[in-house]
Amino acid sequence: MKPKFFIRLNLFLALVFLIIFVIILYSVNPFQANGFLKIIFYLVLFGLVLSILNLIGKMQSWVRILVSLTIVILLILRRQGL
């Protein structure tokens, strides 16, 4: 994959995930959300963090995935009060 195409693709995905993230934050009440909406929220958050880390680009791919998963897992644990 050409670097220019990869950067454009990641920028597009970051914008899409950011828009979906804002829509979820604005329209969903977290106290009344079911499990499916919570899963969608965390998947969108994972995609947003991963695409932003890909745009930064100075890390190996496994480190980007690990950082993204760590952030999402910490937020899940924080939400549960652990």
N, C-alpha and C. Protein backbone atom coordinates (compact mmCIF):
# COMPACT_ATOMS: atom_id res chain seq x y z
N MET A 1 0.86 -1.17 0.00
CA MET A 1 0.00 0.00 0.00
C MET A 1 0.90 1.23 0.00
N LYS A 2 0.56 2.17 -0.82
CA LYS A 2 1.34 3.40 -0.89
C LYS A 2 1.14 4.23 0.37
N PRO A 3 2.20 4.88 0.84
CA PRO A 3 2.07 5.67 2.08
C PRO A 3 1.03 6.79 1.97
N LYS A 4 0.93 7.42 0.83
CA LYS A 4 -0.03 8.52 0.68
C LYS A 4 -1.47 8.00 0.79
N PHE A 5 -1.76 6.85 0.18
CA PHE A 5 -3.07 6.25 0.27
C PHE A 5 -3.38 5.81 1.70
N PHE A 6 -2.37 5.25 2.39
CA PHE A 6 -2.53 4.80 3.77
C PHE A 6 -2.87 5.97 4.68
N ILE A 7 -2.21 7.09 4.50
CA ILE A 7 -2.47 8.27 5.32
C ILE A 7 -3.88 8.80 5.05
N ARG A 8 -4.27 8.86 3.80
CA ARG A 8 -5.62 9.33 3.47
C ARG A 8 -6.69 8.40 4.03
N LEU A 9 -6.46 7.09 3.93
CA LEU A 9 -7.40 6.12 4.46
C LEU A 9 -7.54 6.27 5.97
N ASN A 10 -6.42 6.41 6.67
CA ASN A 10 -6.47 6.58 8.12
C ASN A 10 -7.12 7.90 8.52
N LEU A 11 -6.89 8.94 7.76
CA LEU A 11 -7.53 10.22 8.04
C LEU A 11 -9.04 10.11 7.84
N PHE A 12 -9.46 9.45 6.78
CA PHE A 12 -10.88 9.24 6.54
C PHE A 12 -11.51 8.42 7.65
N LEU A 13 -10.85 7.32 8.05
CA LEU A 13 -11.39 6.49 9.13
C LEU A 13 -11.43 7.23 10.46
N ALA A 14 -10.42 8.05 10.72
CA ALA A 14 -10.42 8.83 11.97
C ALA A 14 -11.59 9.80 11.98
N LEU A 15 -11.86 10.44 10.86
CA LEU A 15 -12.99 11.37 10.79
C LEU A 15 -14.33 10.64 10.94
N VAL A 16 -14.46 9.48 10.31
CA VAL A 16 -15.70 8.71 10.42
C VAL A 16 -15.91 8.25 11.86
N PHE A 17 -14.86 7.70 12.48
CA PHE A 17 -14.99 7.26 13.86
C PHE A 17 -15.25 8.42 14.81
N LEU A 18 -14.65 9.58 14.54
CA LEU A 18 -14.89 10.75 15.37
C LEU A 18 -16.33 11.21 15.27
N ILE A 19 -16.88 11.22 14.06
CA ILE A 19 -18.27 11.63 13.88
C ILE A 19 -19.22 10.65 14.58
N ILE A 20 -18.97 9.35 14.42
CA ILE A 20 -19.81 8.35 15.09
C ILE A 20 -19.67 8.48 16.60
N PHE A 21 -18.46 8.71 17.09
CA PHE A 21 -18.22 8.87 18.52
C PHE A 21 -19.00 10.06 19.09
N VAL A 22 -18.99 11.17 18.38
CA VAL A 22 -19.72 12.36 18.83
C VAL A 22 -21.23 12.11 18.80
N ILE A 23 -21.71 11.42 17.77
CA ILE A 23 -23.14 11.09 17.70
C ILE A 23 -23.55 10.21 18.87
N ILE A 24 -22.73 9.22 19.18
CA ILE A 24 -23.04 8.34 20.32
C ILE A 24 -23.03 9.14 21.61
N LEU A 25 -22.04 9.97 21.81
CA LEU A 25 -21.97 10.75 23.05
C LEU A 25 -23.14 11.72 23.19
N TYR A 26 -23.59 12.27 22.08
CA TYR A 26 -24.67 13.25 22.12
C TYR A 26 -26.04 12.60 22.28
N SER A 27 -26.26 11.45 21.66
CA SER A 27 -27.63 10.94 21.58
C SER A 27 -27.94 9.76 22.51
N VAL A 28 -26.94 9.15 23.11
CA VAL A 28 -27.20 7.95 23.91
C VAL A 28 -27.03 8.28 25.39
N ASN A 29 -28.03 7.91 26.16
CA ASN A 29 -27.95 8.05 27.61
C ASN A 29 -27.20 6.83 28.15
N PRO A 30 -26.02 7.01 28.76
CA PRO A 30 -25.24 5.85 29.18
C PRO A 30 -25.91 5.04 30.29
N PHE A 31 -26.81 5.64 31.04
CA PHE A 31 -27.48 4.92 32.11
C PHE A 31 -28.61 4.03 31.59
N GLN A 32 -29.09 4.30 30.39
CA GLN A 32 -30.16 3.51 29.81
C GLN A 32 -29.71 2.69 28.60
N ALA A 33 -28.43 2.72 28.29
CA ALA A 33 -27.92 2.01 27.12
C ALA A 33 -27.86 0.51 27.39
N ASN A 34 -28.21 -0.26 26.37
CA ASN A 34 -28.13 -1.71 26.50
C ASN A 34 -26.71 -2.17 26.16
N GLY A 35 -26.47 -3.46 26.27
CA GLY A 35 -25.14 -4.01 26.04
C GLY A 35 -24.63 -3.81 24.63
N PHE A 36 -25.53 -3.89 23.65
CA PHE A 36 -25.13 -3.71 22.25
C PHE A 36 -24.58 -2.30 22.02
N LEU A 37 -25.23 -1.29 22.56
CA LEU A 37 -24.74 0.08 22.38
C LEU A 37 -23.40 0.30 23.07
N LYS A 38 -23.21 -0.36 24.21
CA LYS A 38 -21.92 -0.24 24.90
C LYS A 38 -20.81 -0.89 24.09
N ILE A 39 -21.10 -2.03 23.47
CA ILE A 39 -20.11 -2.69 22.62
C ILE A 39 -19.77 -1.81 21.42
N ILE A 40 -20.78 -1.23 20.79
CA ILE A 40 -20.55 -0.33 19.65
C ILE A 40 -19.71 0.87 20.08
N PHE A 41 -20.01 1.43 21.25
CA PHE A 41 -19.25 2.56 21.76
C PHE A 41 -17.77 2.21 21.91
N TYR A 42 -17.47 1.08 22.52
CA TYR A 42 -16.08 0.71 22.74
C TYR A 42 -15.38 0.32 21.44
N LEU A 43 -16.09 -0.27 20.49
CA LEU A 43 -15.49 -0.56 19.19
C LEU A 43 -15.16 0.72 18.43
N VAL A 44 -16.06 1.69 18.49
CA VAL A 44 -15.81 2.98 17.84
C VAL A 44 -14.64 3.69 18.52
N LEU A 45 -14.59 3.63 19.83
CA LEU A 45 -13.48 4.24 20.56
C LEU A 45 -12.16 3.57 20.20
N PHE A 46 -12.16 2.24 20.10
CA PHE A 46 -10.95 1.52 19.69
C PHE A 46 -10.51 1.95 18.29
N GLY A 47 -11.45 2.00 17.36
CA GLY A 47 -11.12 2.42 16.00
C GLY A 47 -10.60 3.84 15.93
N LEU A 48 -11.17 4.73 16.73
CA LEU A 48 -10.73 6.12 16.76
C LEU A 48 -9.31 6.24 17.28
N VAL A 49 -9.03 5.58 18.39
CA VAL A 49 -7.67 5.64 18.96
C VAL A 49 -6.66 4.99 18.01
N LEU A 50 -7.01 3.85 17.43
CA LEU A 50 -6.11 3.17 16.52
C LEU A 50 -5.82 4.00 15.28
N SER A 51 -6.82 4.64 14.71
CA SER A 51 -6.59 5.45 13.52
C SER A 51 -5.77 6.70 13.84
N ILE A 52 -5.96 7.28 15.01
CA ILE A 52 -5.14 8.42 15.40
C ILE A 52 -3.68 7.99 15.61
N LEU A 53 -3.49 6.83 16.24
CA LEU A 53 -2.12 6.34 16.43
C LEU A 53 -1.47 5.98 15.09
N ASN A 54 -2.25 5.49 14.14
CA ASN A 54 -1.71 5.23 12.81
C ASN A 54 -1.29 6.51 12.11
N LEU A 55 -2.02 7.59 12.35
CA LEU A 55 -1.64 8.87 11.75
C LEU A 55 -0.34 9.40 12.36
N ILE A 56 -0.12 9.15 13.64
CA ILE A 56 1.14 9.55 14.26
C ILE A 56 2.27 8.74 13.65
N GLY A 57 2.11 7.44 13.58
CA GLY A 57 2.94 6.58 12.77
C GLY A 57 4.36 6.28 13.20
N LYS A 58 4.81 6.63 14.36
CA LYS A 58 6.19 6.36 14.74
C LYS A 58 6.33 5.09 15.58
N MET A 59 5.29 4.26 15.66
CA MET A 59 5.31 3.04 16.45
C MET A 59 5.10 1.85 15.53
N GLN A 60 5.47 0.69 16.04
CA GLN A 60 5.16 -0.53 15.30
C GLN A 60 3.68 -0.83 15.41
N SER A 61 3.16 -1.62 14.48
CA SER A 61 1.71 -1.85 14.44
C SER A 61 1.22 -2.58 15.68
N TRP A 62 1.97 -3.53 16.22
CA TRP A 62 1.51 -4.26 17.40
C TRP A 62 1.45 -3.34 18.61
N VAL A 63 2.30 -2.33 18.67
CA VAL A 63 2.28 -1.38 19.78
C VAL A 63 1.03 -0.50 19.68
N ARG A 64 0.67 -0.10 18.48
CA ARG A 64 -0.54 0.71 18.28
C ARG A 64 -1.79 -0.05 18.74
N ILE A 65 -1.87 -1.32 18.35
CA ILE A 65 -3.03 -2.13 18.74
C ILE A 65 -3.04 -2.33 20.25
N LEU A 66 -1.87 -2.59 20.83
CA LEU A 66 -1.79 -2.79 22.28
C LEU A 66 -2.19 -1.54 23.06
N VAL A 67 -1.75 -0.38 22.61
CA VAL A 67 -2.12 0.88 23.27
C VAL A 67 -3.61 1.13 23.16
N SER A 68 -4.18 0.89 21.98
CA SER A 68 -5.61 1.09 21.78
C SER A 68 -6.43 0.15 22.67
N LEU A 69 -6.05 -1.11 22.72
CA LEU A 69 -6.76 -2.06 23.58
C LEU A 69 -6.63 -1.71 25.05
N THR A 70 -5.45 -1.25 25.45
CA THR A 70 -5.23 -0.88 26.84
C THR A 70 -6.13 0.29 27.24
N ILE A 71 -6.24 1.28 26.39
CA ILE A 71 -7.09 2.43 26.69
C ILE A 71 -8.55 2.00 26.83
N VAL A 72 -9.02 1.17 25.91
CA VAL A 72 -10.41 0.72 25.97
C VAL A 72 -10.65 -0.15 27.20
N ILE A 73 -9.74 -1.06 27.51
CA ILE A 73 -9.91 -1.91 28.69
C ILE A 73 -9.89 -1.09 29.98
N LEU A 74 -9.01 -0.11 30.06
CA LEU A 74 -8.98 0.76 31.24
C LEU A 74 -10.28 1.54 31.40
N LEU A 75 -10.86 1.99 30.31
CA LEU A 75 -12.13 2.69 30.39
C LEU A 75 -13.26 1.75 30.82
N ILE A 76 -13.24 0.52 30.35
CA ILE A 76 -14.25 -0.45 30.76
C ILE A 76 -14.11 -0.73 32.24
N LEU A 77 -12.89 -0.95 32.72
CA LEU A 77 -12.68 -1.21 34.14
C LEU A 77 -13.06 0.00 35.00
N ARG A 78 -12.75 1.18 34.51
CA ARG A 78 -13.09 2.41 35.24
C ARG A 78 -14.60 2.57 35.35
N ARG A 79 -15.32 2.23 34.29
CA ARG A 79 -16.77 2.35 34.28
C ARG A 79 -17.40 1.38 35.28
N GLN A 80 -16.79 0.21 35.44
CA GLN A 80 -17.33 -0.80 36.35
C GLN A 80 -16.92 -0.52 37.80
N GLY A 81 -16.06 0.44 38.02
CA GLY A 81 -15.67 0.80 39.37
C GLY A 81 -14.56 -0.03 39.96
N LEU A 82 -13.77 -0.68 39.13
CA LEU A 82 -12.68 -1.50 39.64
C LEU A 82 -11.38 -0.72 39.72
